[in-house]
């Protein structure tokens, strides 16, 4: 019996090692209630990164919000790609092998855009967990269309604005 336990243990350990390599390390946001919302709202079917990762690493950053939201403020250097009117043509000049991060308000719309980009052959695309709300909540700057830093953030709606704890909120 002892001789069966050892090979079985090795097989189990190998299985757990290989299975664990495919698991993504969970990403969290600062606010526990917001984190709980995101854990249930998002499908977690695409790779995600934290706002600190996009602040410290090189990503092509895409904004998957409505154009009005982007106009109010966005992450500096971001390219607007939209959501309801998403157009792959807005990624002109971004190589399909480039490292790309997509954000929206909280990560719901951007998660869907990441899926579409994967289907279009973009290999290294990730969702920004917590979106621009977490970006601003953690003290990262946003800019207007002309590149001027601003405290104003489009909060999507009054009900979603509870997750945006910093900045001046607008809804129109």
Protein backbone atom coordinates (compact mmCIF):
# COMPACT_ATOMS: atom_id res chain seq x y z
CA UNK A 1 0.00 0.00 0.00
CA UNK A 2 2.85 2.35 0.86
CA UNK A 3 4.16 2.00 -2.71
CA UNK A 4 0.86 3.25 -4.17
CA UNK A 5 0.69 6.30 -1.92
CA UNK A 6 4.04 7.73 -3.05
CA UNK A 7 3.29 7.69 -6.84
CA UNK A 8 -0.24 8.92 -6.14
CA UNK A 9 1.15 11.80 -4.09
CA UNK A 10 3.57 12.71 -6.87
CA UNK A 11 0.77 12.69 -9.46
CA UNK A 12 -1.43 14.83 -7.20
CA UNK A 13 1.39 17.29 -6.54
CA UNK A 14 2.15 17.54 -10.27
CA UNK A 15 -1.54 18.08 -11.07
CA UNK A 16 -1.87 20.83 -8.46
CA UNK A 17 1.32 22.50 -9.69
CA UNK A 18 0.20 22.51 -13.34
CA UNK A 19 -3.36 23.52 -12.49
CA UNK A 20 -2.12 26.31 -10.20
CA UNK A 21 0.05 27.78 -12.97
CA UNK A 22 -3.12 28.64 -14.90
CA UNK A 23 -4.71 30.44 -11.99
CA UNK A 24 -4.38 34.17 -11.90
CA UNK A 25 -3.37 35.79 -8.64
CA UNK A 26 -6.46 37.64 -7.42
CA UNK A 27 -6.36 41.41 -7.76
CA UNK A 28 -8.04 43.53 -5.14
CA UNK A 29 -9.03 47.16 -4.69
CA UNK A 30 -8.59 49.15 -1.48
CA UNK A 31 -12.25 49.35 -0.44
CA UNK A 32 -13.56 45.97 0.75
CA UNK A 33 -17.17 46.66 -0.29
CA UNK A 34 -16.04 47.78 -3.75
CA UNK A 35 -13.85 44.67 -3.95
CA UNK A 36 -16.86 42.49 -3.12
CA UNK A 37 -18.91 44.21 -5.82
CA UNK A 38 -16.16 43.64 -8.41
CA UNK A 39 -15.74 40.00 -7.40
CA UNK A 40 -19.38 39.36 -8.31
CA UNK A 41 -19.88 41.88 -11.15
CA UNK A 42 -16.93 40.81 -13.28
CA UNK A 43 -16.68 37.41 -14.98
CA UNK A 44 -12.92 37.18 -14.32
CA UNK A 45 -12.59 35.45 -17.69
CA UNK A 46 -9.72 37.63 -18.90
CA UNK A 47 -6.39 38.56 -17.32
CA UNK A 48 -6.52 41.59 -15.03
CA UNK A 49 -3.98 44.03 -13.62
CA UNK A 50 -4.08 46.49 -10.77
CA UNK A 51 -3.97 50.23 -11.27
CA UNK A 52 -0.52 50.25 -9.68
CA UNK A 53 0.71 47.85 -12.36
CA UNK A 54 -0.40 50.11 -15.20
CA UNK A 55 1.14 53.07 -13.41
CA UNK A 56 4.52 51.38 -13.07
CA UNK A 57 4.80 49.21 -16.19
CA UNK A 58 4.61 50.03 -19.90
CA UNK A 59 1.15 49.46 -21.36
CA UNK A 60 -0.75 50.90 -24.27
CA UNK A 61 -3.79 52.13 -22.34
CA UNK A 62 -7.26 52.02 -23.90
CA UNK A 63 -10.37 53.72 -22.54
CA UNK A 64 -13.57 51.71 -23.10
CA UNK A 65 -16.03 54.29 -21.82
CA UNK A 66 -18.41 56.55 -23.72
CA UNK A 67 -16.70 59.45 -25.45
CA UNK A 68 -18.33 61.95 -23.08
CA UNK A 69 -16.76 60.15 -20.10
CA UNK A 70 -13.36 60.24 -21.83
CA UNK A 71 -13.74 63.97 -22.57
CA UNK A 72 -14.33 64.80 -18.91
CA UNK A 73 -11.11 63.05 -17.89
CA UNK A 74 -9.01 60.00 -18.64
CA UNK A 75 -5.70 58.39 -17.78
CA UNK A 76 -2.93 60.37 -19.44
CA UNK A 77 -1.87 58.80 -22.73
CA UNK A 78 -4.99 56.66 -23.05
CA UNK A 79 -6.57 56.03 -26.44
CA UNK A 80 -10.36 56.16 -26.57
CA UNK A 81 -11.88 53.04 -28.15
CA UNK A 82 -15.44 53.23 -26.81
CA UNK A 83 -17.78 50.46 -25.77
CA UNK A 84 -21.24 50.66 -27.38
CA UNK A 85 -19.59 52.03 -30.50
CA UNK A 86 -16.30 50.11 -30.14
CA UNK A 87 -14.28 50.14 -33.35
CA UNK A 88 -11.16 48.04 -33.81
CA UNK A 89 -9.92 50.73 -36.23
CA UNK A 90 -9.21 52.98 -33.24
CA UNK A 91 -6.29 50.68 -32.42
CA UNK A 92 -4.45 51.64 -35.60
CA UNK A 93 -0.72 51.56 -34.97
CA UNK A 94 -0.92 49.24 -31.95
CA UNK A 95 0.76 45.94 -32.75
CA UNK A 96 -1.16 42.77 -31.91
CA UNK A 97 1.82 41.65 -29.79
CA UNK A 98 1.92 44.89 -27.76
CA UNK A 99 1.07 44.92 -24.07
CA UNK A 100 -2.34 46.59 -23.76
CA UNK A 101 -4.46 47.50 -20.72
CA UNK A 102 -8.14 48.43 -21.11
CA UNK A 103 -10.15 50.34 -18.51
CA UNK A 104 -13.63 51.77 -18.04
CA UNK A 105 -15.32 53.06 -14.89
CA UNK A 106 -15.08 49.85 -12.83
CA UNK A 107 -13.91 47.11 -15.21
CA UNK A 108 -17.18 45.68 -16.56
CA UNK A 109 -17.17 47.23 -20.04
CA UNK A 110 -13.41 46.96 -20.40
CA UNK A 111 -13.55 43.24 -19.56
CA UNK A 112 -15.80 42.73 -22.59
CA UNK A 113 -13.54 44.80 -24.83
CA UNK A 114 -10.55 42.69 -23.71
CA UNK A 115 -12.46 39.57 -24.84
CA UNK A 116 -13.11 41.15 -28.23
CA UNK A 117 -9.45 42.10 -28.62
CA UNK A 118 -8.37 38.56 -27.78
CA UNK A 119 -10.75 37.30 -30.47
CA UNK A 120 -9.17 39.77 -32.92
CA UNK A 121 -5.71 38.31 -32.23
CA UNK A 122 -4.34 40.79 -29.69
CA UNK A 123 -2.22 38.52 -27.52
CA UNK A 124 -1.30 40.58 -24.46
CA UNK A 125 -4.43 42.47 -23.42
CA UNK A 126 -5.55 42.84 -19.81
CA UNK A 127 -8.43 44.44 -17.92
CA UNK A 128 -7.70 47.18 -15.37
CA UNK A 129 -9.33 45.88 -12.19
CA UNK A 130 -11.44 48.59 -10.59
CA UNK A 131 -11.15 50.88 -13.63
CA UNK A 132 -10.69 54.62 -13.53
CA UNK A 133 -12.57 54.74 -10.21
CA UNK A 134 -9.81 52.77 -8.50
CA UNK A 135 -7.18 54.76 -10.43
CA UNK A 136 -8.52 58.01 -8.96
CA UNK A 137 -9.32 56.50 -5.54
CA UNK A 138 -5.65 55.56 -5.14
CA UNK A 139 -4.46 59.08 -5.96
CA UNK A 140 -3.39 58.68 -9.58
CA UNK A 141 -3.95 61.73 -11.82
CA UNK A 142 -6.36 62.14 -14.69
CA UNK A 143 -6.30 64.67 -17.51
CA UNK A 144 -8.74 66.46 -19.76
CA UNK A 145 -8.71 66.24 -23.55
CA UNK A 146 -6.03 68.95 -23.80
CA UNK A 147 -3.77 67.18 -21.27
CA UNK A 148 -4.52 69.44 -18.30
CA UNK A 149 -4.65 67.66 -14.94
CA UNK A 150 -8.10 67.71 -13.40
CA UNK A 151 -9.95 66.47 -10.34
CA UNK A 152 -13.17 65.97 -12.30
CA UNK A 153 -14.20 62.42 -13.14
CA UNK A 154 -17.27 61.16 -14.96
CA UNK A 155 -18.95 58.94 -12.36
CA UNK A 156 -21.20 57.16 -14.91
CA UNK A 157 -24.34 57.61 -12.78
CA UNK A 158 -25.38 58.59 -9.26
CA UNK A 159 -25.75 54.96 -8.22
CA UNK A 160 -22.26 54.02 -9.46
CA UNK A 161 -20.69 57.17 -8.04
CA UNK A 162 -20.58 55.67 -4.53
CA UNK A 163 -17.50 53.72 -5.65
CA UNK A 164 -15.66 56.88 -6.66
CA UNK A 165 -14.39 58.26 -3.36
CA UNK A 166 -12.09 61.01 -4.68
CA UNK A 167 -12.42 63.72 -7.26
CA UNK A 168 -15.25 65.94 -8.40
CA UNK A 169 -18.01 63.79 -9.85
CA UNK A 170 -20.07 64.64 -12.91
CA UNK A 171 -22.77 62.52 -14.58
CA UNK A 172 -23.65 64.25 -17.84
